[in-house]
Amino acid sequence: MTVNKKINGGELVLSLHGRLDMTTASTLSEEIKSSIAGIGTLVLDLVGLEYISSAGLKQLLSVQARMNQQGKMLVKNPSAEVREILEITGFLEVLTVE
């Protein structure tokens, strides 16, 4: 998985490409930990994400909990496959998905 980062004032946009699974969830975690200070809005752009596993879903919940303390998190542009996983697991009800 690759993560492209763009900061615009208090907004951090992370564009994810590839697979978010057990082997790559730590990459996202480290990127967020190193970039989140002072961020009010975190946007996870999933347009390039091909697959998300239970480890990736767990990472999304962890990030959501962290952002609830300092602002908000938006999930944008999930592919049809990723959106279906989010729907089946109930994450569409938990996360703000656009």
PDB file of N, CA and C in Angstrom:
ATOM      1  N   MET A   1       0.840  -1.171   0.000  1.00  0.00           N
ATOM      2  CA  MET A   1       0.000   0.000   0.000  1.00  0.00           C
ATOM      3  C   MET A   1       0.886   1.235   0.000  1.00  0.00           C
ATOM      4  N   THR A   2       0.471   2.229  -0.736  1.00  0.00           N
ATOM      5  CA  THR A   2       1.147   3.514  -0.697  1.00  0.00           C
ATOM      6  C   THR A   2       0.179   4.551  -0.148  1.00  0.00           C
ATOM      7  N   VAL A   3       0.759   5.540   0.533  1.00  0.00           N
ATOM      8  CA  VAL A   3      -0.023   6.617   1.134  1.00  0.00           C
ATOM      9  C   VAL A   3       0.536   7.933   0.622  1.00  0.00           C
ATOM     10  N   ASN A   4      -0.318   8.721  -0.034  1.00  0.00           N
ATOM     11  CA  ASN A   4       0.059  10.060  -0.459  1.00  0.00           C
ATOM     12  C   ASN A   4      -0.565  11.043   0.508  1.00  0.00           C
ATOM     13  N   LYS A   5       0.241  12.008   0.962  1.00  0.00           N
ATOM     14  CA  LYS A   5      -0.184  12.940   2.006  1.00  0.00           C
ATOM     15  C   LYS A   5      -0.236  14.360   1.470  1.00  0.00           C
ATOM     16  N   LYS A   6      -1.317  15.059   1.844  1.00  0.00           N
ATOM     17  CA  LYS A   6      -1.461  16.470   1.494  1.00  0.00           C
ATOM     18  C   LYS A   6      -2.043  17.193   2.700  1.00  0.00           C
ATOM     19  N   ILE A   7      -1.373  18.238   3.148  1.00  0.00           N
ATOM     20  CA  ILE A   7      -1.852  19.032   4.276  1.00  0.00           C
ATOM     21  C   ILE A   7      -2.277  20.391   3.759  1.00  0.00           C
ATOM     22  N   ASN A   8      -3.480  20.796   4.146  1.00  0.00           N
ATOM     23  CA  ASN A   8      -4.008  22.098   3.758  1.00  0.00           C
ATOM     24  C   ASN A   8      -4.559  22.753   5.015  1.00  0.00           C
ATOM     25  N   GLY A   9      -3.734  23.544   5.680  1.00  0.00           N
ATOM     26  CA  GLY A   9      -4.143  24.160   6.938  1.00  0.00           C
ATOM     27  C   GLY A   9      -4.355  23.094   7.995  1.00  0.00           C
ATOM     28  N   GLY A  10      -5.559  23.013   8.528  1.00  0.00           N
ATOM     29  CA  GLY A  10      -5.880  22.030   9.555  1.00  0.00           C
ATOM     30  C   GLY A  10      -6.466  20.746   9.005  1.00  0.00           C
ATOM     31  N   GLU A  11      -6.360  20.563   7.686  1.00  0.00           N
ATOM     32  CA  GLU A  11      -6.901  19.358   7.060  1.00  0.00           C
ATOM     33  C   GLU A  11      -5.767  18.505   6.502  1.00  0.00           C
ATOM     34  N   LEU A  12      -5.814  17.223   6.825  1.00  0.00           N
ATOM     35  CA  LEU A  12      -4.849  16.260   6.303  1.00  0.00           C
ATOM     36  C   LEU A  12      -5.603  15.287   5.415  1.00  0.00           C
ATOM     37  N   VAL A  13      -5.152  15.159   4.162  1.00  0.00           N
ATOM     38  CA  VAL A  13      -5.744  14.205   3.227  1.00  0.00           C
ATOM     39  C   VAL A  13      -4.719  13.108   2.973  1.00  0.00           C
ATOM     40  N   LEU A  14      -5.123  11.875   3.275  1.00  0.00           N
ATOM     41  CA  LEU A  14      -4.287  10.711   2.989  1.00  0.00           C
ATOM     42  C   LEU A  14      -4.984   9.902   1.908  1.00  0.00           C
ATOM     43  N   SER A  15      -4.331   9.777   0.765  1.00  0.00           N
ATOM     44  CA  SER A  15      -4.858   8.978  -0.340  1.00  0.00           C
ATOM     45  C   SER A  15      -4.207   7.613  -0.281  1.00  0.00           C
ATOM     46  N   LEU A  16      -5.028   6.569  -0.183  1.00  0.00           N
ATOM     47  CA  LEU A  16      -4.528   5.209  -0.034  1.00  0.00           C
ATOM     48  C   LEU A  16      -4.650   4.465  -1.356  1.00  0.00           C
ATOM     49  N   HIS A  17      -3.597   3.733  -1.690  1.00  0.00           N
ATOM     50  CA  HIS A  17      -3.555   2.967  -2.935  1.00  0.00           C
ATOM     51  C   HIS A  17      -3.050   1.561  -2.635  1.00  0.00           C
ATOM     52  N   GLY A  18      -3.733   0.570  -3.170  1.00  0.00           N
ATOM     53  CA  GLY A  18      -3.303  -0.813  -2.975  1.00  0.00           C
ATOM     54  C   GLY A  18      -4.235  -1.553  -2.038  1.00  0.00           C
ATOM     55  N   ARG A  19      -3.636  -2.262  -1.080  1.00  0.00           N
ATOM     56  CA  ARG A  19      -4.390  -3.104  -0.143  1.00  0.00           C
ATOM     57  C   ARG A  19      -4.107  -2.673   1.291  1.00  0.00           C
ATOM     58  N   LEU A  20      -5.172  -2.503   2.069  1.00  0.00           N
ATOM     59  CA  LEU A  20      -5.042  -2.201   3.497  1.00  0.00           C
ATOM     60  C   LEU A  20      -5.374  -3.486   4.240  1.00  0.00           C
ATOM     61  N   ASP A  21      -4.320  -4.165   4.688  1.00  0.00           N
ATOM     62  CA  ASP A  21      -4.493  -5.455   5.342  1.00  0.00           C
ATOM     63  C   ASP A  21      -3.507  -5.589   6.486  1.00  0.00           C
ATOM     64  N   MET A  22      -3.343  -6.792   6.992  1.00  0.00           N
ATOM     65  CA  MET A  22      -2.487  -7.020   8.156  1.00  0.00           C
ATOM     66  C   MET A  22      -1.052  -6.532   7.926  1.00  0.00           C
ATOM     67  N   THR A  23      -0.544  -6.694   6.732  1.00  0.00           N
ATOM     68  CA  THR A  23       0.845  -6.310   6.476  1.00  0.00           C
ATOM     69  C   THR A  23       1.024  -4.816   6.227  1.00  0.00           C
ATOM     70  N   THR A  24      -0.050  -4.113   5.885  1.00  0.00           N
ATOM     71  CA  THR A  24       0.092  -2.683   5.564  1.00  0.00           C
ATOM     72  C   THR A  24      -0.588  -1.747   6.560  1.00  0.00           C
ATOM     73  N   ALA A  25      -1.380  -2.285   7.478  1.00  0.00           N
ATOM     74  CA  ALA A  25      -2.091  -1.432   8.443  1.00  0.00           C
ATOM     75  C   ALA A  25      -1.118  -0.604   9.276  1.00  0.00           C
ATOM     76  N   SER A  26       0.041  -1.164   9.597  1.00  0.00           N
ATOM     77  CA  SER A  26       1.027  -0.422  10.391  1.00  0.00           C
ATOM     78  C   SER A  26       1.576   0.780   9.614  1.00  0.00           C
ATOM     79  N   THR A  27       1.654   0.676   8.291  1.00  0.00           N
ATOM     80  CA  THR A  27       2.102   1.801   7.466  1.00  0.00           C
ATOM     81  C   THR A  27       1.156   2.981   7.637  1.00  0.00           C
ATOM     82  N   LEU A  28      -0.138   2.703   7.583  1.00  0.00           N
ATOM     83  CA  LEU A  28      -1.128   3.768   7.779  1.00  0.00           C
ATOM     84  C   LEU A  28      -1.038   4.323   9.187  1.00  0.00           C
ATOM     85  N   SER A  29      -0.912   3.452  10.168  1.00  0.00           N
ATOM     86  CA  SER A  29      -0.825   3.886  11.563  1.00  0.00           C
ATOM     87  C   SER A  29       0.357   4.820  11.776  1.00  0.00           C
ATOM     88  N   GLU A  30       1.507   4.464  11.260  1.00  0.00           N
ATOM     89  CA  GLU A  30       2.709   5.296  11.420  1.00  0.00           C
ATOM     90  C   GLU A  30       2.559   6.635  10.706  1.00  0.00           C
ATOM     91  N   GLU A  31       1.991   6.620   9.519  1.00  0.00           N
ATOM     92  CA  GLU A  31       1.784   7.869   8.772  1.00  0.00           C
ATOM     93  C   GLU A  31       0.865   8.800   9.541  1.00  0.00           C
ATOM     94  N   ILE A  32      -0.182   8.258  10.121  1.00  0.00           N
ATOM     95  CA  ILE A  32      -1.121   9.084  10.884  1.00  0.00           C
ATOM     96  C   ILE A  32      -0.471   9.612  12.159  1.00  0.00           C
ATOM     97  N   LYS A  33       0.220   8.746  12.887  1.00  0.00           N
ATOM     98  CA  LYS A  33       0.880   9.181  14.122  1.00  0.00           C
ATOM     99  C   LYS A  33       1.856  10.318  13.874  1.00  0.00           C
ATOM    100  N   SER A  34       2.567  10.269  12.758  1.00  0.00           N
ATOM    101  CA  SER A  34       3.580  11.294  12.481  1.00  0.00           C
ATOM    102  C   SER A  34       2.994  12.576  11.899  1.00  0.00           C
ATOM    103  N   SER A  35       1.718  12.564  11.512  1.00  0.00           N
ATOM    104  CA  SER A  35       1.151  13.707  10.798  1.00  0.00           C
ATOM    105  C   SER A  35      -0.055  14.355  11.466  1.00  0.00           C
ATOM    106  N   ILE A  36      -0.579  13.794  12.529  1.00  0.00           N
ATOM    107  CA  ILE A  36      -1.899  14.172  13.032  1.00  0.00           C
ATOM    108  C   ILE A  36      -1.906  15.385  13.980  1.00  0.00           C
ATOM    109  N   ALA A  37      -0.781  15.748  14.527  1.00  0.00           N
ATOM    110  CA  ALA A  37      -0.742  16.866  15.478  1.00  0.00           C
ATOM    111  C   ALA A  37      -1.289  18.143  14.828  1.00  0.00           C
ATOM    112  N   GLY A  38      -2.259  18.759  15.492  1.00  0.00           N
ATOM    113  CA  GLY A  38      -2.826  20.019  15.009  1.00  0.00           C
ATOM    114  C   GLY A  38      -3.831  19.869  13.880  1.00  0.00           C
ATOM    115  N   ILE A  39      -4.194  18.657  13.538  1.00  0.00           N
ATOM    116  CA  ILE A  39      -5.128  18.421  12.438  1.00  0.00           C
ATOM    117  C   ILE A  39      -6.554  18.352  12.993  1.00  0.00           C
ATOM    118  N   GLY A  40      -7.456  19.128  12.399  1.00  0.00           N
ATOM    119  CA  GLY A  40      -8.846  19.125  12.810  1.00  0.00           C
ATOM    120  C   GLY A  40      -9.708  18.206  11.963  1.00  0.00           C
ATOM    121  N   THR A  41      -9.303  18.021  10.715  1.00  0.00           N
ATOM    122  CA  THR A  41     -10.045  17.142   9.808  1.00  0.00           C
ATOM    123  C   THR A  41      -9.074  16.205   9.115  1.00  0.00           C
ATOM    124  N   LEU A  42      -9.359  14.924   9.219  1.00  0.00           N
ATOM    125  CA  LEU A  42      -8.591  13.898   8.519  1.00  0.00           C
ATOM    126  C   LEU A  42      -9.489  13.315   7.443  1.00  0.00           C
ATOM    127  N   VAL A  43      -9.003  13.360   6.207  1.00  0.00           N
ATOM    128  CA  VAL A  43      -9.734  12.784   5.085  1.00  0.00           C
ATOM    129  C   VAL A  43      -8.946  11.581   4.599  1.00  0.00           C
ATOM    130  N   LEU A  44      -9.585  10.426   4.620  1.00  0.00           N
ATOM    131  CA  LEU A  44      -8.983   9.224   4.044  1.00  0.00           C
ATOM    132  C   LEU A  44      -9.628   9.016   2.683  1.00  0.00           C
ATOM    133  N   ASP A  45      -8.859   9.272   1.635  1.00  0.00           N
ATOM    134  CA  ASP A  45      -9.345   9.117   0.268  1.00  0.00           C
ATOM    135  C   ASP A  45      -9.011   7.698  -0.184  1.00  0.00           C
ATOM    136  N   LEU A  46     -10.037   6.868  -0.361  1.00  0.00           N
ATOM    137  CA  LEU A  46      -9.835   5.457  -0.662  1.00  0.00           C
ATOM    138  C   LEU A  46      -9.973   5.146  -2.150  1.00  0.00           C
ATOM    139  N   VAL A  47      -9.899   6.150  -2.991  1.00  0.00           N
ATOM    140  CA  VAL A  47     -10.130   5.957  -4.413  1.00  0.00           C
ATOM    141  C   VAL A  47      -9.214   4.890  -5.017  1.00  0.00           C
ATOM    142  N   GLY A  48      -8.000   4.750  -4.505  1.00  0.00           N
ATOM    143  CA  GLY A  48      -7.060   3.778  -5.043  1.00  0.00           C
ATOM    144  C   GLY A  48      -6.953   2.507  -4.215  1.00  0.00           C
ATOM    145  N   LEU A  49      -7.814   2.373  -3.205  1.00  0.00           N
ATOM    146  CA  LEU A  49      -7.754   1.199  -2.341  1.00  0.00           C
ATOM    147  C   LEU A  49      -8.525   0.052  -2.987  1.00  0.00           C
ATOM    148  N   GLU A  50      -7.835  -1.050  -3.213  1.00  0.00           N
ATOM    149  CA  GLU A  50      -8.431  -2.202  -3.889  1.00  0.00           C
ATOM    150  C   GLU A  50      -9.095  -3.170  -2.920  1.00  0.00           C
ATOM    151  N   TYR A  51      -8.604  -3.210  -1.678  1.00  0.00           N
ATOM    152  CA  TYR A  51      -9.061  -4.217  -0.724  1.00  0.00           C
ATOM    153  C   TYR A  51      -8.817  -3.718   0.693  1.00  0.00           C
ATOM    154  N   ILE A  52      -9.708  -4.086   1.602  1.00  0.00           N
ATOM    155  CA  ILE A  52      -9.504  -3.789   3.014  1.00  0.00           C
ATOM    156  C   ILE A  52      -9.869  -5.035   3.815  1.00  0.00           C
ATOM    157  N   SER A  53      -8.971  -5.455   4.693  1.00  0.00           N
ATOM    158  CA  SER A  53      -9.199  -6.642   5.524  1.00  0.00           C
ATOM    159  C   SER A  53      -9.704  -6.222   6.899  1.00  0.00           C
ATOM    160  N   SER A  54      -9.920  -7.208   7.758  1.00  0.00           N
ATOM    161  CA  SER A  54     -10.352  -6.907   9.127  1.00  0.00           C
ATOM    162  C   SER A  54      -9.294  -6.083   9.858  1.00  0.00           C
ATOM    163  N   ALA A  55      -8.023  -6.309   9.571  1.00  0.00           N
ATOM    164  CA  ALA A  55      -6.964  -5.499  10.187  1.00  0.00           C
ATOM    165  C   ALA A  55      -7.052  -4.050   9.718  1.00  0.00           C
ATOM    166  N   GLY A  56      -7.396  -3.843   8.462  1.00  0.00           N
ATOM    167  CA  GLY A  56      -7.586  -2.499   7.942  1.00  0.00           C
ATOM    168  C   GLY A  56      -8.799  -1.821   8.547  1.00  0.00           C
ATOM    169  N   LEU A  57      -9.872  -2.586   8.719  1.00  0.00           N
ATOM    170  CA  LEU A  57     -11.074  -2.046   9.362  1.00  0.00           C
ATOM    171  C   LEU A  57     -10.782  -1.647  10.800  1.00  0.00           C
ATOM    172  N   LYS A  58     -10.024  -2.465  11.499  1.00  0.00           N
ATOM    173  CA  LYS A  58      -9.635  -2.148  12.872  1.00  0.00           C
ATOM    174  C   LYS A  58      -8.839  -0.847  12.909  1.00  0.00           C
ATOM    175  N   GLN A  59      -7.970  -0.666  11.934  1.00  0.00           N
ATOM    176  CA  GLN A  59      -7.175   0.562  11.863  1.00  0.00           C
ATOM    177  C   GLN A  59      -8.079   1.774  11.658  1.00  0.00           C
ATOM    178  N   LEU A  60      -9.099   1.636  10.813  1.00  0.00           N
ATOM    179  CA  LEU A  60     -10.038   2.741  10.600  1.00  0.00           C
ATOM    180  C   LEU A  60     -10.753   3.110  11.895  1.00  0.00           C
ATOM    181  N   LEU A  61     -11.166   2.112  12.674  1.00  0.00           N
ATOM    182  CA  LEU A  61     -11.816   2.399  13.959  1.00  0.00           C
ATOM    183  C   LEU A  61     -10.877   3.101  14.924  1.00  0.00           C
ATOM    184  N   SER A  62      -9.630   2.665  14.952  1.00  0.00           N
ATOM    185  CA  SER A  62      -8.635   3.276  15.823  1.00  0.00           C
ATOM    186  C   SER A  62      -8.409   4.741  15.448  1.00  0.00           C
ATOM    187  N   VAL A  63      -8.298   5.004  14.167  1.00  0.00           N
ATOM    188  CA  VAL A  63      -8.096   6.378  13.690  1.00  0.00           C
ATOM    189  C   VAL A  63      -9.331   7.223  13.996  1.00  0.00           C
ATOM    190  N   GLN A  64     -10.519   6.642  13.805  1.00  0.00           N
ATOM    191  CA  GLN A  64     -11.759   7.367  14.107  1.00  0.00           C
ATOM    192  C   GLN A  64     -11.799   7.772  15.574  1.00  0.00           C
ATOM    193  N   ALA A  65     -11.439   6.858  16.466  1.00  0.00           N
ATOM    194  CA  ALA A  65     -11.439   7.159  17.905  1.00  0.00           C
ATOM    195  C   ALA A  65     -10.455   8.280  18.220  1.00  0.00           C
ATOM    196  N   ARG A  66      -9.296   8.245  17.607  1.00  0.00           N
ATOM    197  CA  ARG A  66      -8.287   9.283  17.826  1.00  0.00           C
ATOM    198  C   ARG A  66      -8.786  10.632  17.320  1.00  0.00           C
ATOM    199  N   MET A  67      -9.398  10.643  16.140  1.00  0.00           N
ATOM    200  CA  MET A  67      -9.872  11.902  15.568  1.00  0.00           C
ATOM    201  C   MET A  67     -11.086  12.454  16.306  1.00  0.00           C
ATOM    202  N   ASN A  68     -11.882  11.593  16.937  1.00  0.00           N
ATOM    203  CA  ASN A  68     -13.018  12.077  17.724  1.00  0.00           C
ATOM    204  C   ASN A  68     -12.556  12.968  18.861  1.00  0.00           C
ATOM    205  N   GLN A  69     -11.326  12.823  19.307  1.00  0.00           N
ATOM    206  CA  GLN A  69     -10.781  13.624  20.393  1.00  0.00           C
ATOM    207  C   GLN A  69     -10.287  14.993  19.930  1.00  0.00           C
ATOM    208  N   GLN A  70     -10.004  15.135  18.637  1.00  0.00           N
ATOM    209  CA  GLN A  70      -9.436  16.413  18.183  1.00  0.00           C
ATOM    210  C   GLN A  70     -10.119  16.998  16.958  1.00  0.00           C
ATOM    211  N   GLY A  71     -11.107  16.331  16.422  1.00  0.00           N
ATOM    212  CA  GLY A  71     -11.768  16.851  15.231  1.00  0.00           C
ATOM    213  C   GLY A  71     -12.671  15.813  14.613  1.00  0.00           C
ATOM    214  N   LYS A  72     -12.531  15.642  13.296  1.00  0.00           N
ATOM    215  CA  LYS A  72     -13.387  14.680  12.608  1.00  0.00           C
ATOM    216  C   LYS A  72     -12.607  13.946  11.528  1.00  0.00           C
ATOM    217  N   MET A  73     -13.161  12.812  11.120  1.00  0.00           N
ATOM    218  CA  MET A  73     -12.562  12.003  10.063  1.00  0.00           C
ATOM    219  C   MET A  73     -13.621  11.729   9.004  1.00  0.00           C
ATOM    220  N   LEU A  74     -13.236  11.887   7.757  1.00  0.00           N
ATOM    221  CA  LEU A  74     -14.094  11.584   6.625  1.00  0.00           C
ATOM    222  C   LEU A  74     -13.435  10.502   5.785  1.00  0.00           C
ATOM    223  N   VAL A  75     -14.237   9.588   5.277  1.00  0.00           N
ATOM    224  CA  VAL A  75     -13.766   8.570   4.349  1.00  0.00           C
ATOM    225  C   VAL A  75     -14.411   8.893   3.010  1.00  0.00           C
ATOM    226  N   LYS A  76     -13.579   9.059   1.974  1.00  0.00           N
ATOM    227  CA  LYS A  76     -14.099   9.462   0.671  1.00  0.00           C
ATOM    228  C   LYS A  76     -13.708   8.457  -0.405  1.00  0.00           C
ATOM    229  N   ASN A  77     -14.543   8.392  -1.409  1.00  0.00           N
ATOM    230  CA  ASN A  77     -14.280   7.680  -2.661  1.00  0.00           C
ATOM    231  C   ASN A  77     -13.940   6.198  -2.545  1.00  0.00           C
ATOM    232  N   PRO A  78     -14.623   5.428  -1.685  1.00  0.00           N
ATOM    233  CA  PRO A  78     -14.308   4.002  -1.663  1.00  0.00           C
ATOM    234  C   PRO A  78     -14.752   3.346  -2.974  1.00  0.00           C
ATOM    235  N   SER A  79     -13.958   2.413  -3.459  1.00  0.00           N
ATOM    236  CA  SER A  79     -14.343   1.657  -4.650  1.00  0.00           C
ATOM    237  C   SER A  79     -15.591   0.842  -4.321  1.00  0.00           C
ATOM    238  N   ALA A  80     -16.224   0.291  -5.329  1.00  0.00           N
ATOM    239  CA  ALA A  80     -17.428  -0.526  -5.114  1.00  0.00           C
ATOM    240  C   ALA A  80     -17.120  -1.708  -4.197  1.00  0.00           C
ATOM    241  N   GLU A  81     -15.951  -2.320  -4.371  1.00  0.00           N
ATOM    242  CA  GLU A  81     -15.566  -3.477  -3.556  1.00  0.00           C
ATOM    243  C   GLU A  81     -15.360  -3.083  -2.096  1.00  0.00           C
ATOM    244  N   VAL A  82     -14.652  -1.983  -1.880  1.00  0.00           N
ATOM    245  CA  VAL A  82     -14.392  -1.524  -0.512  1.00  0.00           C
ATOM    246  C   VAL A  82     -15.688  -1.040   0.133  1.00  0.00           C
ATOM    247  N   ARG A  83     -16.514  -0.340  -0.609  1.00  0.00           N
ATOM    248  CA  ARG A  83     -17.802   0.122  -0.075  1.00  0.00           C
ATOM    249  C   ARG A  83     -18.660  -1.064   0.343  1.00  0.00           C
ATOM    250  N   GLU A  84     -18.640  -2.132  -0.438  1.00  0.00           N
ATOM    251  CA  GLU A  84     -19.410  -3.327  -0.083  1.00  0.00           C
ATOM    252  C   GLU A  84     -18.915  -3.929   1.228  1.00  0.00           C
ATOM    253  N   ILE A  85     -17.605  -3.970   1.425  1.00  0.00           N
ATOM    254  CA  ILE A  85     -17.045  -4.471   2.682  1.00  0.00           C
ATOM    255  C   ILE A  85     -17.474  -3.580   3.840  1.00  0.00           C
ATOM    256  N   LEU A  86     -17.414  -2.266   3.636  1.00  0.00           N
ATOM    257  CA  LEU A  86     -17.844  -1.327   4.680  1.00  0.00           C
ATOM    258  C   LEU A  86     -19.324  -1.510   5.004  1.00  0.00           C
ATOM    259  N   GLU A  87     -20.123  -1.774   3.988  1.00  0.00           N
ATOM    260  CA  GLU A  87     -21.557  -1.960   4.194  1.00  0.00           C
ATOM    261  C   GLU A  87     -21.846  -3.264   4.933  1.00  0.00           C
ATOM    262  N   ILE A  88     -21.239  -4.353   4.494  1.00  0.00           N
ATOM    263  CA  ILE A  88     -21.480  -5.669   5.101  1.00  0.00           C
ATOM    264  C   ILE A  88     -21.076  -5.678   6.568  1.00  0.00           C
ATOM    265  N   THR A  89     -19.994  -5.002   6.886  1.00  0.00           N
ATOM    266  CA  THR A  89     -19.483  -5.003   8.259  1.00  0.00           C
ATOM    267  C   THR A  89     -20.138  -3.951   9.150  1.00  0.00           C
ATOM    268  N   GLY A  90     -21.001  -3.110   8.585  1.00  0.00           N
ATOM    269  CA  GLY A  90     -21.672  -2.083   9.366  1.00  0.00           C
ATOM    270  C   GLY A  90     -20.868  -0.805   9.530  1.00  0.00           C
ATOM    271  N   PHE A  91     -19.731  -0.711   8.866  1.00  0.00           N
ATOM    272  CA  PHE A  91     -18.880   0.469   9.011  1.00  0.00           C
ATOM    273  C   PHE A  91     -19.488   1.715   8.362  1.00  0.00           C
ATOM    274  N   LEU A  92     -20.410   1.541   7.427  1.00  0.00           N
ATOM    275  CA  LEU A  92     -21.064   2.705   6.837  1.00  0.00           C
ATOM    276  C   LEU A  92     -21.903   3.435   7.875  1.00  0.00           C
ATOM    277  N   GLU A  93     -22.315   2.724   8.911  1.00  0.00           N
ATOM    278  CA  GLU A  93     -23.090   3.326   9.989  1.00  0.00           C
ATOM    279  C   GLU A  93     -22.204   4.002  11.023  1.00  0.00           C
ATOM    280  N   VAL A  94     -20.941   3.602  11.096  1.00  0.00           N
ATOM    281  CA  VAL A  94     -20.004   4.087  12.117  1.00  0.00           C
ATOM    282  C   VAL A  94     -19.153   5.246  11.603  1.00  0.00           C
ATOM    283  N   LEU A  95     -18.742   5.163  10.346  1.00  0.00           N
ATOM    284  CA  LEU A  95     -17.858   6.155   9.750  1.00  0.00           C
ATOM    285  C   LEU A  95     -18.661   7.139   8.901  1.00  0.00           C
ATOM    286  N   THR A  96     -18.096   8.319   8.693  1.00  0.00           N
ATOM    287  CA  THR A  96     -18.672   9.274   7.765  1.00  0.00           C
ATOM    288  C   THR A  96     -18.059   9.003   6.395  1.00  0.00           C
ATOM    289  N   VAL A  97     -18.855   8.418   5.516  1.00  0.00           N
ATOM    290  CA  VAL A  97     -18.368   8.015   4.195  1.00  0.00           C
ATOM    291  C   VAL A  97     -19.069   8.844   3.138  1.00  0.00           C
ATOM    292  N   GLU A  98     -18.273   9.448   2.280  1.00  0.00           N
ATOM    293  CA  GLU A  98     -18.816  10.279   1.172  1.00  0.00           C
ATOM    294  C   GLU A  98     -18.423   9.676  -0.157  1.00  0.00           C
TER     295      GLU A  98
END
